[in-house]
Every structure is written in C-alpha cells, then in structure tokens.
PDB file of all heavy atoms in Angstrom:
ATOM      1  N   GLY A   1      45.480 -65.538 -16.311  1.00  0.00           N
ATOM      2  CA  GLY A   1      44.808 -66.477 -15.427  1.00  0.00           C
ATOM      3  C   GLY A   1      44.766 -66.055 -13.984  1.00  0.00           C
ATOM      4  O   GLY A   1      44.011 -66.634 -13.192  1.00  0.00           O
ATOM      5  N   VAL A   2      45.543 -65.043 -13.588  1.00  0.00           N
ATOM      6  CA  VAL A   2      45.543 -64.556 -12.204  1.00  0.00           C
ATOM      7  C   VAL A   2      44.628 -63.334 -12.149  1.00  0.00           C
ATOM      8  O   VAL A   2      45.039 -62.215 -12.452  1.00  0.00           O
ATOM      9  CB  VAL A   2      46.968 -64.198 -11.729  1.00  0.00           C
ATOM     10  CG1 VAL A   2      46.952 -63.747 -10.269  1.00  0.00           C
ATOM     11  CG2 VAL A   2      47.905 -65.378 -11.911  1.00  0.00           C
ATOM     12  N   LEU A   3      43.385 -63.549 -11.781  1.00  0.00           N
ATOM     13  CA  LEU A   3      42.375 -62.492 -11.821  1.00  0.00           C
ATOM     14  C   LEU A   3      42.343 -61.752 -10.491  1.00  0.00           C
ATOM     15  O   LEU A   3      42.234 -62.373  -9.425  1.00  0.00           O
ATOM     16  CB  LEU A   3      40.994 -63.074 -12.127  1.00  0.00           C
ATOM     17  CG  LEU A   3      40.895 -63.954 -13.378  1.00  0.00           C
ATOM     18  CD1 LEU A   3      39.449 -64.328 -13.630  1.00  0.00           C
ATOM     19  CD2 LEU A   3      41.486 -63.251 -14.589  1.00  0.00           C
ATOM     20  N   ALA A   4      42.444 -60.430 -10.553  1.00  0.00           N
ATOM     21  CA  ALA A   4      42.375 -59.609  -9.338  1.00  0.00           C
ATOM     22  C   ALA A   4      40.937 -59.582  -8.826  1.00  0.00           C
ATOM     23  O   ALA A   4      39.999 -59.363  -9.602  1.00  0.00           O
ATOM     24  CB  ALA A   4      42.858 -58.194  -9.639  1.00  0.00           C
ATOM     25  N   SER A   5      40.769 -59.808  -7.529  1.00  0.00           N
ATOM     26  CA  SER A   5      39.414 -59.809  -6.967  1.00  0.00           C
ATOM     27  C   SER A   5      38.932 -58.391  -6.681  1.00  0.00           C
ATOM     28  O   SER A   5      37.810 -58.025  -7.018  1.00  0.00           O
ATOM     29  CB  SER A   5      39.384 -60.640  -5.683  1.00  0.00           C
ATOM     30  OG  SER A   5      40.328 -60.139  -4.748  1.00  0.00           O
ATOM     31  N   ASP A   6      39.791 -57.572  -6.066  1.00  0.00           N
ATOM     32  CA  ASP A   6      39.403 -56.210  -5.700  1.00  0.00           C
ATOM     33  C   ASP A   6      40.422 -55.217  -6.226  1.00  0.00           C
ATOM     34  O   ASP A   6      41.630 -55.462  -6.186  1.00  0.00           O
ATOM     35  CB  ASP A   6      39.295 -56.066  -4.177  1.00  0.00           C
ATOM     36  CG  ASP A   6      38.187 -56.929  -3.609  1.00  0.00           C
ATOM     37  OD1 ASP A   6      37.061 -56.847  -4.127  1.00  0.00           O
ATOM     38  OD2 ASP A   6      38.457 -57.699  -2.671  1.00  0.00           O
ATOM     39  N   LEU A   7      39.941 -54.077  -6.692  1.00  0.00           N
ATOM     40  CA  LEU A   7      40.784 -52.985  -7.165  1.00  0.00           C
ATOM     41  C   LEU A   7      40.449 -51.726  -6.385  1.00  0.00           C
ATOM     42  O   LEU A   7      39.278 -51.460  -6.097  1.00  0.00           O
ATOM     43  CB  LEU A   7      40.575 -52.722  -8.660  1.00  0.00           C
ATOM     44  CG  LEU A   7      41.393 -53.544  -9.653  1.00  0.00           C
ATOM     45  CD1 LEU A   7      41.014 -55.019  -9.586  1.00  0.00           C
ATOM     46  CD2 LEU A   7      41.205 -53.015 -11.069  1.00  0.00           C
ATOM     47  N   GLU A   8      41.476 -50.979  -6.066  1.00  0.00           N
ATOM     48  CA  GLU A   8      41.267 -49.707  -5.369  1.00  0.00           C
ATOM     49  C   GLU A   8      40.916 -48.612  -6.373  1.00  0.00           C
ATOM     50  O   GLU A   8      41.562 -48.493  -7.413  1.00  0.00           O
ATOM     51  CB  GLU A   8      42.519 -49.328  -4.588  1.00  0.00           C
ATOM     52  CG  GLU A   8      42.404 -48.032  -3.811  1.00  0.00           C
ATOM     53  CD  GLU A   8      43.699 -47.663  -3.120  1.00  0.00           C
ATOM     54  OE1 GLU A   8      44.018 -48.289  -2.090  1.00  0.00           O
ATOM     55  OE2 GLU A   8      44.423 -46.769  -3.629  1.00  0.00           O
ATOM     56  N   ASP A   9      39.925 -47.818  -6.059  1.00  0.00           N
ATOM     57  CA  ASP A   9      39.538 -46.715  -6.928  1.00  0.00           C
ATOM     58  C   ASP A   9      40.543 -45.575  -6.745  1.00  0.00           C
ATOM     59  O   ASP A   9      40.644 -45.006  -5.654  1.00  0.00           O
ATOM     60  CB  ASP A   9      38.129 -46.232  -6.574  1.00  0.00           C
ATOM     61  CG  ASP A   9      37.538 -45.322  -7.641  1.00  0.00           C
ATOM     62  OD1 ASP A   9      38.190 -45.148  -8.697  1.00  0.00           O
ATOM     63  OD2 ASP A   9      36.450 -44.792  -7.428  1.00  0.00           O
ATOM     64  N   PRO A  10      41.342 -45.220  -7.764  1.00  0.00           N
ATOM     65  CA  PRO A  10      42.390 -44.197  -7.588  1.00  0.00           C
ATOM     66  C   PRO A  10      41.808 -42.804  -7.438  1.00  0.00           C
ATOM     67  O   PRO A  10      40.696 -42.519  -7.891  1.00  0.00           O
ATOM     68  CB  PRO A  10      43.215 -44.329  -8.871  1.00  0.00           C
ATOM     69  CG  PRO A  10      42.248 -44.850  -9.881  1.00  0.00           C
ATOM     70  CD  PRO A  10      41.301 -45.746  -9.142  1.00  0.00           C
ATOM     71  N   LYS A  11      42.576 -41.910  -6.839  1.00  0.00           N
ATOM     72  CA  LYS A  11      42.119 -40.543  -6.601  1.00  0.00           C
ATOM     73  C   LYS A  11      42.324 -39.644  -7.824  1.00  0.00           C
ATOM     74  O   LYS A  11      41.603 -38.674  -8.004  1.00  0.00           O
ATOM     75  CB  LYS A  11      42.838 -39.953  -5.384  1.00  0.00           C
ATOM     76  CG  LYS A  11      42.548 -40.724  -4.089  1.00  0.00           C
ATOM     77  CD  LYS A  11      43.108 -40.023  -2.875  1.00  0.00           C
ATOM     78  CE  LYS A  11      42.845 -40.836  -1.611  1.00  0.00           C
ATOM     79  NZ  LYS A  11      41.411 -41.047  -1.354  1.00  0.00           N
ATOM     80  N   LEU A  12      43.334 -39.885  -8.655  1.00  0.00           N
ATOM     81  CA  LEU A  12      43.575 -39.169  -9.915  1.00  0.00           C
ATOM     82  C   LEU A  12      43.705 -37.661  -9.704  1.00  0.00           C
ATOM     83  O   LEU A  12      42.950 -36.858 -10.259  1.00  0.00           O
ATOM     84  CB  LEU A  12      42.443 -39.473 -10.911  1.00  0.00           C
ATOM     85  CG  LEU A  12      42.168 -40.964 -11.156  1.00  0.00           C
ATOM     86  CD1 LEU A  12      40.970 -41.130 -12.076  1.00  0.00           C
ATOM     87  CD2 LEU A  12      43.394 -41.633 -11.743  1.00  0.00           C
ATOM     88  N   PRO A  13      44.688 -37.210  -8.910  1.00  0.00           N
ATOM     89  CA  PRO A  13      44.829 -35.769  -8.650  1.00  0.00           C
ATOM     90  C   PRO A  13      45.242 -34.959  -9.868  1.00  0.00           C
ATOM     91  O   PRO A  13      45.023 -33.744  -9.901  1.00  0.00           O
ATOM     92  CB  PRO A  13      45.918 -35.724  -7.558  1.00  0.00           C
ATOM     93  CG  PRO A  13      46.721 -36.976  -7.781  1.00  0.00           C
ATOM     94  CD  PRO A  13      45.738 -38.005  -8.236  1.00  0.00           C
ATOM     95  N   ASN A  14      45.837 -35.593 -10.881  1.00  0.00           N
ATOM     96  CA  ASN A  14      46.287 -34.847 -12.063  1.00  0.00           C
ATOM     97  C   ASN A  14      45.154 -34.463 -13.004  1.00  0.00           C
ATOM     98  O   ASN A  14      45.391 -33.782 -14.001  1.00  0.00           O
ATOM     99  CB  ASN A  14      47.317 -35.678 -12.839  1.00  0.00           C
ATOM    100  CG  ASN A  14      48.616 -35.834 -12.084  1.00  0.00           C
ATOM    101  OD1 ASN A  14      48.987 -34.989 -11.282  1.00  0.00           O
ATOM    102  ND2 ASN A  14      49.315 -36.934 -12.316  1.00  0.00           N
ATOM    103  N   ASN A  15      43.945 -34.884 -12.703  1.00  0.00           N
ATOM    104  CA  ASN A  15      42.834 -34.616 -13.610  1.00  0.00           C
ATOM    105  C   ASN A  15      42.454 -33.144 -13.685  1.00  0.00           C
ATOM    106  O   ASN A  15      41.701 -32.738 -14.571  1.00  0.00           O
ATOM    107  CB  ASN A  15      41.606 -35.435 -13.209  1.00  0.00           C
ATOM    108  CG  ASN A  15      41.690 -36.858 -13.728  1.00  0.00           C
ATOM    109  OD1 ASN A  15      42.722 -37.289 -14.227  1.00  0.00           O
ATOM    110  ND2 ASN A  15      40.611 -37.593 -13.612  1.00  0.00           N
ATOM    111  N   ASN A  16      42.967 -32.328 -12.758  1.00  0.00           N
ATOM    112  CA  ASN A  16      42.687 -30.889 -12.787  1.00  0.00           C
ATOM    113  C   ASN A  16      43.828 -30.093 -13.414  1.00  0.00           C
ATOM    114  O   ASN A  16      43.872 -28.872 -13.295  1.00  0.00           O
ATOM    115  CB  ASN A  16      42.425 -30.382 -11.362  1.00  0.00           C
ATOM    116  CG  ASN A  16      41.190 -31.016 -10.753  1.00  0.00           C
ATOM    117  OD1 ASN A  16      40.163 -31.159 -11.410  1.00  0.00           O
ATOM    118  ND2 ASN A  16      41.290 -31.422  -9.492  1.00  0.00           N
ATOM    119  N   THR A  17      44.729 -30.788 -14.083  1.00  0.00           N
ATOM    120  CA  THR A  17      45.911 -30.145 -14.656  1.00  0.00           C
ATOM    121  C   THR A  17      45.529 -29.126 -15.721  1.00  0.00           C
ATOM    122  O   THR A  17      44.670 -29.372 -16.565  1.00  0.00           O
ATOM    123  CB  THR A  17      46.840 -31.209 -15.275  1.00  0.00           C
ATOM    124  OG1 THR A  17      47.276 -32.098 -14.250  1.00  0.00           O
ATOM    125  CG2 THR A  17      48.039 -30.558 -15.932  1.00  0.00           C
ATOM    126  N   LYS A  18      46.209 -27.976 -15.683  1.00  0.00           N
ATOM    127  CA  LYS A  18      46.038 -26.954 -16.716  1.00  0.00           C
ATOM    128  C   LYS A  18      47.090 -27.177 -17.801  1.00  0.00           C
ATOM    129  O   LYS A  18      48.285 -27.287 -17.511  1.00  0.00           O
ATOM    130  CB  LYS A  18      46.187 -25.549 -16.127  1.00  0.00           C
ATOM    131  CG  LYS A  18      46.002 -24.452 -17.158  1.00  0.00           C
ATOM    132  CD  LYS A  18      46.188 -23.071 -16.546  1.00  0.00           C
ATOM    133  CE  LYS A  18      46.044 -21.987 -17.608  1.00  0.00           C
ATOM    134  NZ  LYS A  18      46.259 -20.623 -17.047  1.00  0.00           N
ATOM    135  N   LEU A  19      46.662 -27.237 -19.043  1.00  0.00           N
ATOM    136  CA  LEU A  19      47.551 -27.582 -20.149  1.00  0.00           C
ATOM    137  C   LEU A  19      47.809 -26.385 -21.049  1.00  0.00           C
ATOM    138  O   LEU A  19      46.983 -25.458 -21.126  1.00  0.00           O
ATOM    139  CB  LEU A  19      46.924 -28.708 -20.975  1.00  0.00           C
ATOM    140  CG  LEU A  19      46.679 -30.016 -20.225  1.00  0.00           C
ATOM    141  CD1 LEU A  19      45.924 -30.998 -21.105  1.00  0.00           C
ATOM    142  CD2 LEU A  19      47.982 -30.623 -19.732  1.00  0.00           C
ATOM    143  N   PRO A  20      48.948 -26.384 -21.758  1.00  0.00           N
ATOM    144  CA  PRO A  20      49.220 -25.300 -22.713  1.00  0.00           C
ATOM    145  C   PRO A  20      48.319 -25.384 -23.927  1.00  0.00           C
ATOM    146  O   PRO A  20      47.643 -26.389 -24.163  1.00  0.00           O
ATOM    147  CB  PRO A  20      50.691 -25.527 -23.088  1.00  0.00           C
ATOM    148  CG  PRO A  20      50.936 -26.969 -22.804  1.00  0.00           C
ATOM    149  CD  PRO A  20      50.049 -27.344 -21.661  1.00  0.00           C
ATOM    150  N   GLU A  21      48.310 -24.340 -24.718  1.00  0.00           N
ATOM    151  CA  GLU A  21      47.516 -24.307 -25.942  1.00  0.00           C
ATOM    152  C   GLU A  21      48.138 -25.231 -26.996  1.00  0.00           C
ATOM    153  O   GLU A  21      49.331 -25.538 -26.955  1.00  0.00           O
ATOM    154  CB  GLU A  21      47.416 -22.887 -26.491  1.00  0.00           C
ATOM    155  CG  GLU A  21      46.676 -21.921 -25.575  1.00  0.00           C
ATOM    156  CD  GLU A  21      45.231 -22.325 -25.367  1.00  0.00           C
ATOM    157  OE1 GLU A  21      44.617 -22.847 -26.335  1.00  0.00           O
ATOM    158  OE2 GLU A  21      44.710 -22.139 -24.247  1.00  0.00           O
ATOM    159  N   TYR A  22      47.325 -25.650 -27.920  1.00  0.00           N
ATOM    160  CA  TYR A  22      47.749 -26.584 -28.964  1.00  0.00           C
ATOM    161  C   TYR A  22      48.928 -26.026 -29.752  1.00  0.00           C
ATOM    162  O   TYR A  22      49.897 -26.744 -30.028  1.00  0.00           O
ATOM    163  CB  TYR A  22      46.562 -26.858 -29.895  1.00  0.00           C
ATOM    164  CG  TYR A  22      46.911 -27.647 -31.132  1.00  0.00           C
ATOM    165  CD1 TYR A  22      47.128 -29.022 -31.070  1.00  0.00           C
ATOM    166  CD2 TYR A  22      47.030 -27.021 -32.377  1.00  0.00           C
ATOM    167  CE1 TYR A  22      47.443 -29.750 -32.201  1.00  0.00           C
ATOM    168  CE2 TYR A  22      47.338 -27.745 -33.511  1.00  0.00           C
ATOM    169  CZ  TYR A  22      47.552 -29.108 -33.414  1.00  0.00           C
ATOM    170  OH  TYR A  22      47.864 -29.819 -34.541  1.00  0.00           O
ATOM    171  N   GLU A  23      48.855 -24.750 -30.127  1.00  0.00           N
ATOM    172  CA  GLU A  23      49.919 -24.156 -30.948  1.00  0.00           C
ATOM    173  C   GLU A  23      51.254 -24.130 -30.217  1.00  0.00           C
ATOM    174  O   GLU A  23      52.319 -24.218 -30.841  1.00  0.00           O
ATOM    175  CB  GLU A  23      49.519 -22.734 -31.358  1.00  0.00           C
ATOM    176  CG  GLU A  23      48.362 -22.653 -32.347  1.00  0.00           C
ATOM    177  CD  GLU A  23      47.015 -22.940 -31.717  1.00  0.00           C
ATOM    178  OE1 GLU A  23      46.937 -22.920 -30.448  1.00  0.00           O
ATOM    179  OE2 GLU A  23      46.041 -23.189 -32.453  1.00  0.00           O
ATOM    180  N   THR A  24      51.207 -23.991 -28.906  1.00  0.00           N
ATOM    181  CA  THR A  24      52.440 -24.012 -28.105  1.00  0.00           C
ATOM    182  C   THR A  24      52.968 -25.424 -27.942  1.00  0.00           C
ATOM    183  O   THR A  24      54.184 -25.660 -27.987  1.00  0.00           O
ATOM    184  CB  THR A  24      52.178 -23.391 -26.721  1.00  0.00           C
ATOM    185  OG1 THR A  24      51.716 -22.052 -26.884  1.00  0.00           O
ATOM    186  CG2 THR A  24      53.435 -23.400 -25.858  1.00  0.00           C
ATOM    187  N   LEU A  25      52.073 -26.359 -27.763  1.00  0.00           N
ATOM    188  CA  LEU A  25      52.463 -27.737 -27.449  1.00  0.00           C
ATOM    189  C   LEU A  25      52.922 -28.528 -28.669  1.00  0.00           C
ATOM    190  O   LEU A  25      53.790 -29.395 -28.550  1.00  0.00           O
ATOM    191  CB  LEU A  25      51.285 -28.442 -26.787  1.00  0.00           C
ATOM    192  CG  LEU A  25      51.556 -29.765 -26.057  1.00  0.00           C
ATOM    193  CD1 LEU A  25      52.689 -29.614 -25.055  1.00  0.00           C
ATOM    194  CD2 LEU A  25      50.294 -30.256 -25.374  1.00  0.00           C
ATOM    195  N   LEU A  26      52.366 -28.232 -29.854  1.00  0.00           N
ATOM    196  CA  LEU A  26      52.642 -29.054 -31.035  1.00  0.00           C
ATOM    197  C   LEU A  26      54.128 -29.163 -31.367  1.00  0.00           C
ATOM    198  O   LEU A  26      54.650 -30.275 -31.504  1.00  0.00           O
ATOM    199  CB  LEU A  26      51.843 -28.539 -32.229  1.00  0.00           C
ATOM    200  CG  LEU A  26      52.081 -29.290 -33.541  1.00  0.00           C
ATOM    201  CD1 LEU A  26      51.733 -30.766 -33.390  1.00  0.00           C
ATOM    202  CD2 LEU A  26      51.284 -28.656 -34.678  1.00  0.00           C
ATOM    203  N   PRO A  27      54.867 -28.045 -31.555  1.00  0.00           N
ATOM    204  CA  PRO A  27      56.291 -28.210 -31.913  1.00  0.00           C
ATOM    205  C   PRO A  27      57.092 -28.920 -30.828  1.00  0.00           C
ATOM    206  O   PRO A  27      58.020 -29.664 -31.135  1.00  0.00           O
ATOM    207  CB  PRO A  27      56.773 -26.759 -32.114  1.00  0.00           C
ATOM    208  CG  PRO A  27      55.768 -25.908 -31.406  1.00  0.00           C
ATOM    209  CD  PRO A  27      54.473 -26.622 -31.499  1.00  0.00           C
ATOM    210  N   TRP A  28      56.719 -28.711 -29.579  1.00  0.00           N
ATOM    211  CA  TRP A  28      57.420 -29.370 -28.473  1.00  0.00           C
ATOM    212  C   TRP A  28      57.169 -30.872 -28.508  1.00  0.00           C
ATOM    213  O   TRP A  28      58.079 -31.670 -28.291  1.00  0.00           O
ATOM    214  CB  TRP A  28      56.926 -28.755 -27.163  1.00  0.00           C
ATOM    215  CG  TRP A  28      57.728 -29.129 -25.963  1.00  0.00           C
ATOM    216  CD1 TRP A  28      58.944 -28.630 -25.575  1.00  0.00           C
ATOM    217  CD2 TRP A  28      57.360 -30.081 -24.955  1.00  0.00           C
ATOM    218  NE1 TRP A  28      59.351 -29.205 -24.398  1.00  0.00           N
ATOM    219  CE2 TRP A  28      58.399 -30.104 -23.990  1.00  0.00           C
ATOM    220  CE3 TRP A  28      56.261 -30.904 -24.769  1.00  0.00           C
ATOM    221  CZ2 TRP A  28      58.356 -30.921 -22.873  1.00  0.00           C
ATOM    222  CZ3 TRP A  28      56.221 -31.729 -23.644  1.00  0.00           C
ATOM    223  CH2 TRP A  28      57.249 -31.733 -22.717  1.00  0.00           C
ATOM    224  N   VAL A  29      55.931 -31.267 -28.782  1.00  0.00           N
ATOM    225  CA  VAL A  29      55.599 -32.693 -28.864  1.00  0.00           C
ATOM    226  C   VAL A  29      56.302 -33.334 -30.050  1.00  0.00           C
ATOM    227  O   VAL A  29      56.849 -34.443 -29.938  1.00  0.00           O
ATOM    228  CB  VAL A  29      54.071 -32.881 -28.962  1.00  0.00           C
ATOM    229  CG1 VAL A  29      53.721 -34.308 -29.355  1.00  0.00           C
ATOM    230  CG2 VAL A  29      53.408 -32.539 -27.634  1.00  0.00           C
ATOM    231  N   LEU A  30      56.311 -32.659 -31.193  1.00  0.00           N
ATOM    232  CA  LEU A  30      56.978 -33.216 -32.370  1.00  0.00           C
ATOM    233  C   LEU A  30      58.470 -33.411 -32.130  1.00  0.00           C
ATOM    234  O   LEU A  30      59.086 -34.313 -32.713  1.00  0.00           O
ATOM    235  CB  LEU A  30      56.758 -32.305 -33.576  1.00  0.00           C
ATOM    236  CG  LEU A  30      55.333 -32.270 -34.147  1.00  0.00           C
ATOM    237  CD1 LEU A  30      55.222 -31.209 -35.237  1.00  0.00           C
ATOM    238  CD2 LEU A  30      54.933 -33.634 -34.697  1.00  0.00           C
ATOM    239  N   ALA A  31      59.049 -32.591 -31.272  1.00  0.00           N
ATOM    240  CA  ALA A  31      60.488 -32.697 -30.995  1.00  0.00           C
ATOM    241  C   ALA A  31      60.807 -33.810 -30.008  1.00  0.00           C
ATOM    242  O   ALA A  31      61.951 -34.277 -29.956  1.00  0.00           O
ATOM    243  CB  ALA A  31      61.012 -31.366 -30.455  1.00  0.00           C
ATOM    244  N   HIS A  32      59.813 -34.262 -29.222  1.00  0.00           N
ATOM    245  CA  HIS A  32      60.079 -35.244 -28.175  1.00  0.00           C
ATOM    246  C   HIS A  32      59.314 -36.545 -28.349  1.00  0.00           C
ATOM    247  O   HIS A  32      59.578 -37.501 -27.605  1.00  0.00           O
ATOM    248  CB  HIS A  32      59.741 -34.650 -26.799  1.00  0.00           C
ATOM    249  CG  HIS A  32      60.579 -33.471 -26.417  1.00  0.00           C
ATOM    250  ND1 HIS A  32      60.218 -32.175 -26.696  1.00  0.00           N
ATOM    251  CD2 HIS A  32      61.783 -33.397 -25.782  1.00  0.00           C
ATOM    252  CE1 HIS A  32      61.150 -31.346 -26.242  1.00  0.00           C
ATOM    253  NE2 HIS A  32      62.106 -32.061 -25.684  1.00  0.00           N
ATOM    254  N   ASN A  33      58.383 -36.592 -29.286  1.00  0.00           N
ATOM    255  CA  ASN A  33      57.600 -37.807 -29.467  1.00  0.00           C
ATOM    256  C   ASN A  33      58.521 -38.986 -29.801  1.00  0.00           C
ATOM    257  O   ASN A  33      59.372 -38.896 -30.691  1.00  0.00           O
ATOM    258  CB  ASN A  33      56.574 -37.606 -30.580  1.00  0.00           C
ATOM    259  CG  ASN A  33      55.741 -38.844 -30.830  1.00  0.00           C
ATOM    260  OD1 ASN A  33      56.091 -39.672 -31.663  1.00  0.00           O
ATOM    261  ND2 ASN A  33      54.643 -38.974 -30.126  1.00  0.00           N
ATOM    262  N   ARG A  34      58.348 -40.096 -29.094  1.00  0.00           N
ATOM    263  CA  ARG A  34      59.279 -41.217 -29.257  1.00  0.00           C
ATOM    264  C   ARG A  34      59.185 -41.840 -30.646  1.00  0.00           C
ATOM    265  O   ARG A  34      60.204 -42.239 -31.217  1.00  0.00           O
ATOM    266  CB  ARG A  34      59.007 -42.266 -28.181  1.00  0.00           C
ATOM    267  CG  ARG A  34      59.208 -41.745 -26.764  1.00  0.00           C
ATOM    268  CD  ARG A  34      59.342 -42.894 -25.789  1.00  0.00           C
ATOM    269  NE  ARG A  34      59.183 -42.461 -24.408  1.00  0.00           N
ATOM    270  CZ  ARG A  34      60.103 -41.838 -23.694  1.00  0.00           C
ATOM    271  NH1 ARG A  34      61.269 -41.558 -24.241  1.00  0.00           N
ATOM    272  NH2 ARG A  34      59.870 -41.487 -22.443  1.00  0.00           N
ATOM    273  N   ARG A  35      58.000 -41.946 -31.186  1.00  0.00           N
ATOM    274  CA  ARG A  35      57.874 -42.533 -32.520  1.00  0.00           C
ATOM    275  C   ARG A  35      58.499 -41.629 -33.584  1.00  0.00           C
ATOM    276  O   ARG A  35      59.087 -42.133 -34.551  1.00  0.00           O
ATOM    277  CB  ARG A  35      56.398 -42.788 -32.834  1.00  0.00           C
ATOM    278  CG  ARG A  35      55.791 -43.855 -31.947  1.00  0.00           C
ATOM    279  CD  ARG A  35      54.379 -44.220 -32.343  1.00  0.00           C
ATOM    280  NE  ARG A  35      53.848 -45.260 -31.478  1.00  0.00           N
ATOM    281  CZ  ARG A  35      52.657 -45.800 -31.606  1.00  0.00           C
ATOM    282  NH1 ARG A  35      51.842 -45.387 -32.567  1.00  0.00           N
ATOM    283  NH2 ARG A  35      52.248 -46.742 -30.770  1.00  0.00           N
ATOM    284  N   MET A  36      58.394 -40.328 -33.386  1.00  0.00           N
ATOM    285  CA  MET A  36      59.068 -39.428 -34.320  1.00  0.00           C
ATOM    286  C   MET A  36      60.571 -39.544 -34.182  1.00  0.00           C
ATOM    287  O   MET A  36      61.306 -39.509 -35.183  1.00  0.00           O
ATOM    288  CB  MET A  36      58.605 -37.990 -34.064  1.00  0.00           C
ATOM    289  CG  MET A  36      59.226 -36.971 -35.016  1.00  0.00           C
ATOM    290  SD  MET A  36      58.860 -37.328 -36.764  1.00  0.00           S
ATOM    291  CE  MET A  36      57.133 -36.834 -36.834  1.00  0.00           C
ATOM    292  N   LEU A  37      61.065 -39.698 -32.958  1.00  0.00           N
ATOM    293  CA  LEU A  37      62.505 -39.890 -32.759  1.00  0.00           C
ATOM    294  C   LEU A  37      62.983 -41.177 -33.411  1.00  0.00           C
ATOM    295  O   LEU A  37      64.069 -41.224 -33.996  1.00  0.00           O
ATOM    296  CB  LEU A  37      62.818 -39.908 -31.258  1.00  0.00           C
ATOM    297  CG  LEU A  37      62.618 -38.588 -30.507  1.00  0.00           C
ATOM    298  CD1 LEU A  37      62.866 -38.782 -29.016  1.00  0.00           C
ATOM    299  CD2 LEU A  37      63.534 -37.503 -31.062  1.00  0.00           C
ATOM    300  N   VAL A  38      62.170 -42.231 -33.325  1.00  0.00           N
ATOM    301  CA  VAL A  38      62.508 -43.488 -33.993  1.00  0.00           C
ATOM    302  C   VAL A  38      62.633 -43.264 -35.492  1.00  0.00           C
ATOM    303  O   VAL A  38      63.606 -43.705 -36.130  1.00  0.00           O
ATOM    304  CB  VAL A  38      61.435 -44.559 -33.697  1.00  0.00           C
ATOM    305  CG1 VAL A  38      61.630 -45.773 -34.606  1.00  0.00           C
ATOM    306  CG2 VAL A  38      61.496 -44.982 -32.240  1.00  0.00           C
ATOM    307  N   GLN A  39      61.661 -42.568 -36.069  1.00  0.00           N
ATOM    308  CA  GLN A  39      61.672 -42.334 -37.517  1.00  0.00           C
ATOM    309  C   GLN A  39      62.872 -41.500 -37.928  1.00  0.00           C
ATOM    310  O   GLN A  39      63.507 -41.752 -38.965  1.00  0.00           O
ATOM    311  CB  GLN A  39      60.365 -41.648 -37.930  1.00  0.00           C
ATOM    312  CG  GLN A  39      59.992 -41.820 -39.385  1.00  0.00           C
ATOM    313  CD  GLN A  39      59.542 -43.221 -39.723  1.00  0.00           C
ATOM    314  OE1 GLN A  39      59.296 -44.037 -38.840  1.00  0.00           O
ATOM    315  NE2 GLN A  39      59.427 -43.524 -40.996  1.00  0.00           N
ATOM    316  N   GLN A  40      63.222 -40.508 -37.135  1.00  0.00           N
ATOM    317  CA  GLN A  40      64.367 -39.662 -37.461  1.00  0.00           C
ATOM    318  C   GLN A  40      65.673 -40.456 -37.382  1.00  0.00           C
ATOM    319  O   GLN A  40      66.580 -40.260 -38.213  1.00  0.00           O
ATOM    320  CB  GLN A  40      64.399 -38.467 -36.512  1.00  0.00           C
ATOM    321  CG  GLN A  40      63.277 -37.464 -36.750  1.00  0.00           C
ATOM    322  CD  GLN A  40      63.208 -36.392 -35.687  1.00  0.00           C
ATOM    323  OE1 GLN A  40      63.855 -36.487 -34.639  1.00  0.00           O
ATOM    324  NE2 GLN A  40      62.421 -35.359 -35.932  1.00  0.00           N
ATOM    325  N   GLN A  41      65.777 -41.349 -36.418  1.00  0.00           N
ATOM    326  CA  GLN A  41      66.987 -42.171 -36.314  1.00  0.00           C
ATOM    327  C   GLN A  41      67.080 -43.145 -37.487  1.00  0.00           C
ATOM    328  O   GLN A  41      68.177 -43.405 -38.007  1.00  0.00           O
ATOM    329  CB  GLN A  41      66.976 -42.936 -34.988  1.00  0.00           C
ATOM    330  CG  GLN A  41      67.173 -42.073 -33.760  1.00  0.00           C
ATOM    331  CD  GLN A  41      68.574 -41.493 -33.669  1.00  0.00           C
ATOM    332  OE1 GLN A  41      69.509 -41.968 -34.316  1.00  0.00           O
ATOM    333  NE2 GLN A  41      68.729 -40.449 -32.884  1.00  0.00           N
ATOM    334  N   LEU A  42      65.950 -43.681 -37.914  1.00  0.00           N
ATOM    335  CA  LEU A  42      65.963 -44.576 -39.073  1.00  0.00           C
ATOM    336  C   LEU A  42      66.355 -43.820 -40.337  1.00  0.00           C
ATOM    337  O   LEU A  42      67.064 -44.358 -41.200  1.00  0.00           O
ATOM    338  CB  LEU A  42      64.588 -45.220 -39.244  1.00  0.00           C
ATOM    339  CG  LEU A  42      64.166 -46.213 -38.152  1.00  0.00           C
ATOM    340  CD1 LEU A  42      62.761 -46.732 -38.409  1.00  0.00           C
ATOM    341  CD2 LEU A  42      65.145 -47.377 -38.054  1.00  0.00           C
ATOM    342  N   LEU A  43      65.907 -42.581 -40.459  1.00  0.00           N
ATOM    343  CA  LEU A  43      66.321 -41.751 -41.597  1.00  0.00           C
ATOM    344  C   LEU A  43      67.825 -41.487 -41.550  1.00  0.00           C
ATOM    345  O   LEU A  43      68.506 -41.541 -42.580  1.00  0.00           O
ATOM    346  CB  LEU A  43      65.551 -40.427 -41.587  1.00  0.00           C
ATOM    347  CG  LEU A  43      64.126 -40.464 -42.154  1.00  0.00           C
ATOM    348  CD1 LEU A  43      63.394 -39.172 -41.816  1.00  0.00           C
ATOM    349  CD2 LEU A  43      64.160 -40.666 -43.664  1.00  0.00           C
ATOM    350  N   ALA A  44      68.345 -41.201 -40.359  1.00  0.00           N
ATOM    351  CA  ALA A  44      69.789 -40.976 -40.223  1.00  0.00           C
ATOM    352  C   ALA A  44      70.573 -42.229 -40.596  1.00  0.00           C
ATOM    353  O   ALA A  44      71.625 -42.152 -41.250  1.00  0.00           O
ATOM    354  CB  ALA A  44      70.111 -40.541 -38.797  1.00  0.00           C
TER     355      ALA A  44
END
C-alpha cells in the first residue's frame, strides 16, 4: 500500500563485468550453490 512516487535510475557499473567460461564456473557454482548445500545437508 505504500507506493513509491519516484525511483532513481541506477547506473549499474557491474554490467560490463567479464565472466569465466561455463566449464570453469560450473564445478565452482555446484560447490557453493545454496540450494545444493541445503540438499547435501539434508542427505547428511
């Protein structure tokens, strides 16, 4: 019910970020993904 009248348009400086390749990132993401950590703890 509290509607914002004006919003500032953000600058978004991270939009030019250079990212690693998929093959490099996948095992790292699987090791740190929170939902995967939840599942591993439930298995334990």
